[in-house]
Amino acid sequence: MRVHLELFGLSRIAAGTKELLLELEEGTTFRDIVRLLSVKYPDMIGNVINPDGETLHPPNTFNLNAKRMIRPNQMDEFPSDGDRIVLMSISAGG
């Protein structure tokens, strides 16, 4: 299965690219994607990815197909072939 991963902010800086095409096995979870990123881009650990290597450091989050945010309790769900995932940082303020 293929998914597109678009990176913003610190994740883009750490990876040195704005988009990745990921070839994943069926059943790969969002948590698995974070694990893959932590291995491939260790500079993400600490700012984008927590030191455990499998969870996103707040306020970083995944957005799936510009329709919904993936909450921490949804990290064991999985994307589908052709999905577009955005890794972004959400902050509030004024």
PDB file of N, CA and C in Angstrom:
ATOM      1  N   MET A   1       0.847  -1.164   0.000  1.00  0.00           N
ATOM      2  CA  MET A   1       0.000   0.000   0.000  1.00  0.00           C
ATOM      3  C   MET A   1       0.895   1.229   0.000  1.00  0.00           C
ATOM      4  N   ARG A   2       0.418   2.284  -0.622  1.00  0.00           N
ATOM      5  CA  ARG A   2       1.167   3.539  -0.691  1.00  0.00           C
ATOM      6  C   ARG A   2       0.365   4.655  -0.025  1.00  0.00           C
ATOM      7  N   VAL A   3       1.065   5.442   0.786  1.00  0.00           N
ATOM      8  CA  VAL A   3       0.473   6.649   1.349  1.00  0.00           C
ATOM      9  C   VAL A   3       1.451   7.802   1.143  1.00  0.00           C
ATOM     10  N   HIS A   4       0.912   8.977   0.985  1.00  0.00           N
ATOM     11  CA  HIS A   4       1.713  10.189   0.858  1.00  0.00           C
ATOM     12  C   HIS A   4       1.775  10.838   2.223  1.00  0.00           C
ATOM     13  N   LEU A   5       2.971  11.201   2.644  1.00  0.00           N
ATOM     14  CA  LEU A   5       3.167  11.874   3.921  1.00  0.00           C
ATOM     15  C   LEU A   5       3.775  13.237   3.651  1.00  0.00           C
ATOM     16  N   GLU A   6       3.035  14.285   3.978  1.00  0.00           N
ATOM     17  CA  GLU A   6       3.528  15.642   3.814  1.00  0.00           C
ATOM     18  C   GLU A   6       4.006  16.158   5.162  1.00  0.00           C
ATOM     19  N   LEU A   7       5.163  16.777   5.179  1.00  0.00           N
ATOM     20  CA  LEU A   7       5.791  17.234   6.413  1.00  0.00           C
ATOM     21  C   LEU A   7       5.781  18.758   6.492  1.00  0.00           C
ATOM     22  N   PHE A   8       5.534  19.256   7.696  1.00  0.00           N
ATOM     23  CA  PHE A   8       5.571  20.694   7.946  1.00  0.00           C
ATOM     24  C   PHE A   8       6.439  20.976   9.158  1.00  0.00           C
ATOM     25  N   GLY A   9       6.956  22.176   9.236  1.00  0.00           N
ATOM     26  CA  GLY A   9       7.694  22.634  10.409  1.00  0.00           C
ATOM     27  C   GLY A   9       8.946  21.840  10.689  1.00  0.00           C
ATOM     28  N   LEU A  10       9.115  21.474  11.967  1.00  0.00           N
ATOM     29  CA  LEU A  10      10.327  20.777  12.393  1.00  0.00           C
ATOM     30  C   LEU A  10      10.499  19.420  11.720  1.00  0.00           C
ATOM     31  N   SER A  11       9.395  18.744  11.418  1.00  0.00           N
ATOM     32  CA  SER A  11       9.524  17.443  10.743  1.00  0.00           C
ATOM     33  C   SER A  11      10.113  17.621   9.349  1.00  0.00           C
ATOM     34  N   ARG A  12       9.741  18.685   8.660  1.00  0.00           N
ATOM     35  CA  ARG A  12      10.283  18.962   7.328  1.00  0.00           C
ATOM     36  C   ARG A  12      11.772  19.283   7.408  1.00  0.00           C
ATOM     37  N   ILE A  13      12.147  20.055   8.403  1.00  0.00           N
ATOM     38  CA  ILE A  13      13.560  20.403   8.588  1.00  0.00           C
ATOM     39  C   ILE A  13      14.380  19.149   8.894  1.00  0.00           C
ATOM     40  N   ALA A  14      13.885  18.313   9.811  1.00  0.00           N
ATOM     41  CA  ALA A  14      14.623  17.105  10.210  1.00  0.00           C
ATOM     42  C   ALA A  14      14.762  16.109   9.061  1.00  0.00           C
ATOM     43  N   ALA A  15      13.725  15.993   8.230  1.00  0.00           N
ATOM     44  CA  ALA A  15      13.760  15.029   7.126  1.00  0.00           C
ATOM     45  C   ALA A  15      14.446  15.594   5.889  1.00  0.00           C
ATOM     46  N   GLY A  16      14.501  16.911   5.797  1.00  0.00           N
ATOM     47  CA  GLY A  16      15.120  17.528   4.623  1.00  0.00           C
ATOM     48  C   GLY A  16      14.282  17.413   3.368  1.00  0.00           C
ATOM     49  N   THR A  17      12.994  17.169   3.540  1.00  0.00           N
ATOM     50  CA  THR A  17      12.079  17.059   2.403  1.00  0.00           C
ATOM     51  C   THR A  17      10.688  17.457   2.856  1.00  0.00           C
ATOM     52  N   LYS A  18       9.847  17.827   1.899  1.00  0.00           N
ATOM     53  CA  LYS A  18       8.495  18.225   2.288  1.00  0.00           C
ATOM     54  C   LYS A  18       7.472  17.112   2.102  1.00  0.00           C
ATOM     55  N   GLU A  19       7.835  16.061   1.378  1.00  0.00           N
ATOM     56  CA  GLU A  19       6.874  14.985   1.157  1.00  0.00           C
ATOM     57  C   GLU A  19       7.585  13.655   0.962  1.00  0.00           C
ATOM     58  N   LEU A  20       6.947  12.601   1.454  1.00  0.00           N
ATOM     59  CA  LEU A  20       7.463  11.241   1.310  1.00  0.00           C
ATOM     60  C   LEU A  20       6.368  10.353   0.744  1.00  0.00           C
ATOM     61  N   LEU A  21       6.737   9.442  -0.115  1.00  0.00           N
ATOM     62  CA  LEU A  21       5.825   8.399  -0.564  1.00  0.00           C
ATOM     63  C   LEU A  21       6.237   7.143   0.187  1.00  0.00           C
ATOM     64  N   LEU A  22       5.346   6.659   1.049  1.00  0.00           N
ATOM     65  CA  LEU A  22       5.668   5.507   1.882  1.00  0.00           C
ATOM     66  C   LEU A  22       5.029   4.248   1.311  1.00  0.00           C
ATOM     67  N   GLU A  23       5.835   3.227   1.143  1.00  0.00           N
ATOM     68  CA  GLU A  23       5.357   1.896   0.752  1.00  0.00           C
ATOM     69  C   GLU A  23       5.198   1.107   2.051  1.00  0.00           C
ATOM     70  N   LEU A  24       3.966   0.802   2.414  1.00  0.00           N
ATOM     71  CA  LEU A  24       3.674   0.165   3.692  1.00  0.00           C
ATOM     72  C   LEU A  24       2.915  -1.139   3.483  1.00  0.00           C
ATOM     73  N   GLU A  25       3.059  -2.030   4.446  1.00  0.00           N
ATOM     74  CA  GLU A  25       2.275  -3.259   4.416  1.00  0.00           C
ATOM     75  C   GLU A  25       0.863  -2.955   4.889  1.00  0.00           C
ATOM     76  N   GLU A  26      -0.109  -3.706   4.375  1.00  0.00           N
ATOM     77  CA  GLU A  26      -1.489  -3.561   4.852  1.00  0.00           C
ATOM     78  C   GLU A  26      -1.502  -3.760   6.363  1.00  0.00           C
ATOM     79  N   GLY A  27      -2.275  -2.964   7.052  1.00  0.00           N
ATOM     80  CA  GLY A  27      -2.368  -3.074   8.505  1.00  0.00           C
ATOM     81  C   GLY A  27      -1.346  -2.245   9.261  1.00  0.00           C
ATOM     82  N   THR A  28      -0.506  -1.503   8.534  1.00  0.00           N
ATOM     83  CA  THR A  28       0.451  -0.614   9.193  1.00  0.00           C
ATOM     84  C   THR A  28      -0.331   0.485   9.906  1.00  0.00           C
ATOM     85  N   THR A  29      -0.018   0.714  11.169  1.00  0.00           N
ATOM     86  CA  THR A  29      -0.742   1.714  11.964  1.00  0.00           C
ATOM     87  C   THR A  29      -0.034   3.070  11.910  1.00  0.00           C
ATOM     88  N   PHE A  30      -0.730   4.077  12.398  1.00  0.00           N
ATOM     89  CA  PHE A  30      -0.107   5.396  12.510  1.00  0.00           C
ATOM     90  C   PHE A  30       1.091   5.331  13.462  1.00  0.00           C
ATOM     91  N   ARG A  31       0.978   4.524  14.513  1.00  0.00           N
ATOM     92  CA  ARG A  31       2.091   4.332  15.447  1.00  0.00           C
ATOM     93  C   ARG A  31       3.296   3.721  14.715  1.00  0.00           C
ATOM     94  N   ASP A  32       3.030   2.766  13.818  1.00  0.00           N
ATOM     95  CA  ASP A  32       4.103   2.165  13.023  1.00  0.00           C
ATOM     96  C   ASP A  32       4.789   3.214  12.137  1.00  0.00           C
ATOM     97  N   ILE A  33       4.013   4.146  11.614  1.00  0.00           N
ATOM     98  CA  ILE A  33       4.584   5.213  10.788  1.00  0.00           C
ATOM     99  C   ILE A  33       5.507   6.086  11.628  1.00  0.00           C
ATOM    100  N   VAL A  34       5.099   6.389  12.852  1.00  0.00           N
ATOM    101  CA  VAL A  34       5.969   7.169  13.743  1.00  0.00           C
ATOM    102  C   VAL A  34       7.254   6.391  14.015  1.00  0.00           C
ATOM    103  N   ARG A  35       7.151   5.099  14.260  1.00  0.00           N
ATOM    104  CA  ARG A  35       8.354   4.269  14.487  1.00  0.00           C
ATOM    105  C   ARG A  35       9.281   4.320  13.276  1.00  0.00           C
ATOM    106  N   LEU A  36       8.703   4.192  12.093  1.00  0.00           N
ATOM    107  CA  LEU A  36       9.493   4.243  10.861  1.00  0.00           C
ATOM    108  C   LEU A  36      10.207   5.587  10.744  1.00  0.00           C
ATOM    109  N   LEU A  37       9.496   6.670  11.007  1.00  0.00           N
ATOM    110  CA  LEU A  37      10.102   7.996  10.934  1.00  0.00           C
ATOM    111  C   LEU A  37      11.217   8.176  11.958  1.00  0.00           C
ATOM    112  N   SER A  38      11.028   7.633  13.162  1.00  0.00           N
ATOM    113  CA  SER A  38      12.045   7.795  14.204  1.00  0.00           C
ATOM    114  C   SER A  38      13.339   7.083  13.842  1.00  0.00           C
ATOM    115  N   VAL A  39      13.239   5.986  13.105  1.00  0.00           N
ATOM    116  CA  VAL A  39      14.433   5.259  12.669  1.00  0.00           C
ATOM    117  C   VAL A  39      15.079   5.961  11.472  1.00  0.00           C
ATOM    118  N   LYS A  40      14.257   6.348  10.507  1.00  0.00           N
ATOM    119  CA  LYS A  40      14.777   6.959   9.282  1.00  0.00           C
ATOM    120  C   LYS A  40      15.258   8.390   9.507  1.00  0.00           C
ATOM    121  N   TYR A  41      14.613   9.110  10.425  1.00  0.00           N
ATOM    122  CA  TYR A  41      14.945  10.509  10.689  1.00  0.00           C
ATOM    123  C   TYR A  41      15.107  10.730  12.198  1.00  0.00           C
ATOM    124  N   PRO A  42      16.184  10.248  12.776  1.00  0.00           N
ATOM    125  CA  PRO A  42      16.366  10.349  14.227  1.00  0.00           C
ATOM    126  C   PRO A  42      16.387  11.790  14.752  1.00  0.00           C
ATOM    127  N   ASP A  43      16.641  12.770  13.873  1.00  0.00           N
ATOM    128  CA  ASP A  43      16.604  14.164  14.319  1.00  0.00           C
ATOM    129  C   ASP A  43      15.199  14.601  14.722  1.00  0.00           C
ATOM    130  N   MET A  44      14.183  13.819  14.367  1.00  0.00           N
ATOM    131  CA  MET A  44      12.815  14.147  14.782  1.00  0.00           C
ATOM    132  C   MET A  44      12.574  13.826  16.256  1.00  0.00           C
ATOM    133  N   ILE A  45      13.382  12.937  16.815  1.00  0.00           N
ATOM    134  CA  ILE A  45      13.178  12.531  18.208  1.00  0.00           C
ATOM    135  C   ILE A  45      13.503  13.699  19.129  1.00  0.00           C
ATOM    136  N   GLY A  46      12.567  13.983  20.008  1.00  0.00           N
ATOM    137  CA  GLY A  46      12.724  15.061  20.964  1.00  0.00           C
ATOM    138  C   GLY A  46      11.855  16.258  20.669  1.00  0.00           C
ATOM    139  N   ASN A  47      11.741  16.628  19.382  1.00  0.00           N
ATOM    140  CA  ASN A  47      10.919  17.776  19.010  1.00  0.00           C
ATOM    141  C   ASN A  47       9.618  17.380  18.330  1.00  0.00           C
ATOM    142  N   VAL A  48       9.677  16.367  17.490  1.00  0.00           N
ATOM    143  CA  VAL A  48       8.505  15.914  16.748  1.00  0.00           C
ATOM    144  C   VAL A  48       7.996  14.592  17.314  1.00  0.00           C
ATOM    145  N   ILE A  49       8.923  13.715  17.627  1.00  0.00           N
ATOM    146  CA  ILE A  49       8.607  12.379  18.145  1.00  0.00           C
ATOM    147  C   ILE A  49       9.143  12.274  19.567  1.00  0.00           C
ATOM    148  N   ASN A  50       8.329  11.708  20.451  1.00  0.00           N
ATOM    149  CA  ASN A  50       8.763  11.500  21.839  1.00  0.00           C
ATOM    150  C   ASN A  50       9.927  10.519  21.893  1.00  0.00           C
ATOM    151  N   PRO A  51      10.717  10.553  22.979  1.00  0.00           N
ATOM    152  CA  PRO A  51      11.865   9.647  23.103  1.00  0.00           C
ATOM    153  C   PRO A  51      11.516   8.160  23.009  1.00  0.00           C
ATOM    154  N   ASP A  52      10.243   7.794  23.235  1.00  0.00           N
ATOM    155  CA  ASP A  52       9.860   6.382  23.106  1.00  0.00           C
ATOM    156  C   ASP A  52       9.910   5.899  21.660  1.00  0.00           C
ATOM    157  N   GLY A  53       9.996   6.853  20.703  1.00  0.00           N
ATOM    158  CA  GLY A  53      10.107   6.500  19.296  1.00  0.00           C
ATOM    159  C   GLY A  53       8.823   6.029  18.648  1.00  0.00           C
ATOM    160  N   GLU A  54       7.695   6.137  19.361  1.00  0.00           N
ATOM    161  CA  GLU A  54       6.447   5.644  18.772  1.00  0.00           C
ATOM    162  C   GLU A  54       5.245   6.557  18.970  1.00  0.00           C
ATOM    163  N   THR A  55       5.436   7.678  19.628  1.00  0.00           N
ATOM    164  CA  THR A  55       4.347   8.633  19.802  1.00  0.00           C
ATOM    165  C   THR A  55       4.827  10.022  19.393  1.00  0.00           C
ATOM    166  N   LEU A  56       3.881  10.835  18.948  1.00  0.00           N
ATOM    167  CA  LEU A  56       4.210  12.194  18.528  1.00  0.00           C
ATOM    168  C   LEU A  56       4.280  13.114  19.737  1.00  0.00           C
ATOM    169  N   HIS A  57       5.266  13.983  19.711  1.00  0.00           N
ATOM    170  CA  HIS A  57       5.453  14.971  20.777  1.00  0.00           C
ATOM    171  C   HIS A  57       4.442  16.093  20.548  1.00  0.00           C
ATOM    172  N   PRO A  58       3.592  16.386  21.567  1.00  0.00           N
ATOM    173  CA  PRO A  58       2.638  17.485  21.398  1.00  0.00           C
ATOM    174  C   PRO A  58       3.382  18.776  21.124  1.00  0.00           C
ATOM    175  N   PRO A  59       2.901  19.614  20.283  1.00  0.00           N
ATOM    176  CA  PRO A  59       1.591  19.651  19.617  1.00  0.00           C
ATOM    177  C   PRO A  59       1.585  19.036  18.221  1.00  0.00           C
ATOM    178  N   ASN A  60       2.509  18.118  17.919  1.00  0.00           N
ATOM    179  CA  ASN A  60       2.540  17.479  16.603  1.00  0.00           C
ATOM    180  C   ASN A  60       1.421  16.459  16.488  1.00  0.00           C
ATOM    181  N   THR A  61       0.866  16.370  15.295  1.00  0.00           N
ATOM    182  CA  THR A  61      -0.242  15.453  15.061  1.00  0.00           C
ATOM    183  C   THR A  61      -0.309  15.087  13.585  1.00  0.00           C
ATOM    184  N   PHE A  62      -1.025  14.018  13.298  1.00  0.00           N
ATOM    185  CA  PHE A  62      -1.303  13.629  11.924  1.00  0.00           C
ATOM    186  C   PHE A  62      -2.685  14.143  11.536  1.00  0.00           C
ATOM    187  N   ASN A  63      -2.803  14.584  10.286  1.00  0.00           N
ATOM    188  CA  ASN A  63      -4.096  14.898   9.689  1.00  0.00           C
ATOM    189  C   ASN A  63      -4.275  13.911   8.549  1.00  0.00           C
ATOM    190  N   LEU A  64      -5.435  13.296   8.486  1.00  0.00           N
ATOM    191  CA  LEU A  64      -5.708  12.278   7.479  1.00  0.00           C
ATOM    192  C   LEU A  64      -6.645  12.830   6.418  1.00  0.00           C
ATOM    193  N   ASN A  65      -6.140  12.921   5.197  1.00  0.00           N
ATOM    194  CA  ASN A  65      -6.926  13.326   4.032  1.00  0.00           C
ATOM    195  C   ASN A  65      -7.646  14.660   4.197  1.00  0.00           C
ATOM    196  N   ALA A  66      -7.055  15.563   4.981  1.00  0.00           N
ATOM    197  CA  ALA A  66      -7.636  16.888   5.226  1.00  0.00           C
ATOM    198  C   ALA A  66      -9.051  16.799   5.793  1.00  0.00           C
ATOM    199  N   LYS A  67      -9.348  15.678   6.462  1.00  0.00           N
ATOM    200  CA  LYS A  67     -10.693  15.479   7.007  1.00  0.00           C
ATOM    201  C   LYS A  67     -10.714  15.310   8.512  1.00  0.00           C
ATOM    202  N   ARG A  68      -9.661  14.692   9.064  1.00  0.00           N
ATOM    203  CA  ARG A  68      -9.676  14.482  10.516  1.00  0.00           C
ATOM    204  C   ARG A  68      -8.274  14.403  11.078  1.00  0.00           C
ATOM    205  N   MET A  69      -8.173  14.836  12.318  1.00  0.00           N
ATOM    206  CA  MET A  69      -6.926  14.751  13.056  1.00  0.00           C
ATOM    207  C   MET A  69      -6.876  13.383  13.727  1.00  0.00           C
ATOM    208  N   ILE A  70      -5.697  12.792  13.767  1.00  0.00           N
ATOM    209  CA  ILE A  70      -5.511  11.512  14.432  1.00  0.00           C
ATOM    210  C   ILE A  70      -5.091  11.811  15.874  1.00  0.00           C
ATOM    211  N   ARG A  71      -5.966  11.494  16.808  1.00  0.00           N
ATOM    212  CA  ARG A  71      -5.710  11.743  18.226  1.00  0.00           C
ATOM    213  C   ARG A  71      -4.807  10.649  18.795  1.00  0.00           C
ATOM    214  N   PRO A  72      -4.166  10.922  19.931  1.00  0.00           N
ATOM    215  CA  PRO A  72      -3.276   9.913  20.520  1.00  0.00           C
ATOM    216  C   PRO A  72      -3.937   8.549  20.723  1.00  0.00           C
ATOM    217  N   ASN A  73      -5.231   8.527  21.042  1.00  0.00           N
ATOM    218  CA  ASN A  73      -5.901   7.241  21.250  1.00  0.00           C
ATOM    219  C   ASN A  73      -6.303   6.559  19.939  1.00  0.00           C
ATOM    220  N   GLN A  74      -5.958   7.169  18.799  1.00  0.00           N
ATOM    221  CA  GLN A  74      -6.250   6.576  17.490  1.00  0.00           C
ATOM    222  C   GLN A  74      -4.980   6.128  16.756  1.00  0.00           C
ATOM    223  N   MET A  75      -3.843   6.161  17.438  1.00  0.00           N
ATOM    224  CA  MET A  75      -2.572   5.828  16.786  1.00  0.00           C
ATOM    225  C   MET A  75      -2.466   4.366  16.367  1.00  0.00           C
ATOM    226  N   ASP A  76      -3.323   3.497  16.903  1.00  0.00           N
ATOM    227  CA  ASP A  76      -3.287   2.095  16.509  1.00  0.00           C
ATOM    228  C   ASP A  76      -4.273   1.789  15.375  1.00  0.00           C
ATOM    229  N   GLU A  77      -4.901   2.827  14.835  1.00  0.00           N
ATOM    230  CA  GLU A  77      -5.696   2.687  13.626  1.00  0.00           C
ATOM    231  C   GLU A  77      -4.740   2.749  12.440  1.00  0.00           C
ATOM    232  N   PHE A  78      -5.246   2.488  11.254  1.00  0.00           N
ATOM    233  CA  PHE A  78      -4.341   2.445  10.108  1.00  0.00           C
ATOM    234  C   PHE A  78      -4.910   3.199   8.916  1.00  0.00           C
ATOM    235  N   PRO A  79      -4.001   3.769   8.120  1.00  0.00           N
ATOM    236  CA  PRO A  79      -4.424   4.429   6.888  1.00  0.00           C
ATOM    237  C   PRO A  79      -4.736   3.394   5.818  1.00  0.00           C
ATOM    238  N   SER A  80      -5.311   3.885   4.725  1.00  0.00           N
ATOM    239  CA  SER A  80      -5.631   3.038   3.567  1.00  0.00           C
ATOM    240  C   SER A  80      -4.757   3.432   2.382  1.00  0.00           C
ATOM    241  N   ASP A  81      -4.693   2.549   1.418  1.00  0.00           N
ATOM    242  CA  ASP A  81      -3.929   2.816   0.216  1.00  0.00           C
ATOM    243  C   ASP A  81      -4.395   4.125  -0.419  1.00  0.00           C
ATOM    244  N   GLY A  82      -3.434   4.975  -0.771  1.00  0.00           N
ATOM    245  CA  GLY A  82      -3.745   6.237  -1.422  1.00  0.00           C
ATOM    246  C   GLY A  82      -4.029   7.394  -0.478  1.00  0.00           C
ATOM    247  N   ASP A  83      -4.067   7.129   0.820  1.00  0.00           N
ATOM    248  CA  ASP A  83      -4.328   8.204   1.778  1.00  0.00           C
ATOM    249  C   ASP A  83      -3.221   9.247   1.754  1.00  0.00           C
ATOM    250  N   ARG A  84      -3.593  10.455   2.135  1.00  0.00           N
ATOM    251  CA  ARG A  84      -2.646  11.568   2.270  1.00  0.00           C
ATOM    252  C   ARG A  84      -2.632  11.943   3.746  1.00  0.00           C
ATOM    253  N   ILE A  85      -1.445  11.841   4.336  1.00  0.00           N
ATOM    254  CA  ILE A  85      -1.259  12.154   5.748  1.00  0.00           C
ATOM    255  C   ILE A  85      -0.373  13.387   5.838  1.00  0.00           C
ATOM    256  N   VAL A  86      -0.761  14.311   6.691  1.00  0.00           N
ATOM    257  CA  VAL A  86       0.051  15.497   6.939  1.00  0.00           C
ATOM    258  C   VAL A  86       0.555  15.418   8.370  1.00  0.00           C
ATOM    259  N   LEU A  87       1.853  15.555   8.559  1.00  0.00           N
ATOM    260  CA  LEU A  87       2.444  15.652   9.889  1.00  0.00           C
ATOM    261  C   LEU A  87       2.676  17.132  10.159  1.00  0.00           C
ATOM    262  N   MET A  88       1.953  17.642  11.142  1.00  0.00           N
ATOM    263  CA  MET A  88       1.977  19.068  11.391  1.00  0.00           C
ATOM    264  C   MET A  88       1.981  19.356  12.875  1.00  0.00           C
ATOM    265  N   SER A  89       2.324  20.586  13.205  1.00  0.00           N
ATOM    266  CA  SER A  89       2.299  21.051  14.574  1.00  0.00           C
ATOM    267  C   SER A  89       1.119  22.003  14.731  1.00  0.00           C
ATOM    268  N   ILE A  90       0.322  21.760  15.740  1.00  0.00           N
ATOM    269  CA  ILE A  90      -0.827  22.633  16.002  1.00  0.00           C
ATOM    270  C   ILE A  90      -0.543  23.411  17.272  1.00  0.00           C
ATOM    271  N   SER A  91      -0.607  24.691  17.159  1.00  0.00           N
ATOM    272  CA  SER A  91      -0.433  25.525  18.353  1.00  0.00           C
ATOM    273  C   SER A  91      -1.503  26.596  18.348  1.00  0.00           C
ATOM    274  N   ALA A  92      -1.867  27.005  19.520  1.00  0.00           N
ATOM    275  CA  ALA A  92      -2.878  28.052  19.665  1.00  0.00           C
ATOM    276  C   ALA A  92      -2.240  29.260  20.315  1.00  0.00           C
ATOM    277  N   GLY A  93      -2.832  30.346  20.115  1.00  0.00           N
ATOM    278  CA  GLY A  93      -2.319  31.560  20.727  1.00  0.00           C
ATOM    279  C   GLY A  93      -2.929  32.761  20.048  1.00  0.00           C
ATOM    280  N   GLY A  94      -2.532  33.889  20.515  1.00  0.00           N
ATOM    281  CA  GLY A  94      -3.160  35.046  19.916  1.00  0.00           C
ATOM    282  C   GLY A  94      -2.346  36.289  20.067  1.00  0.00           C
TER     283      GLY A  94
END
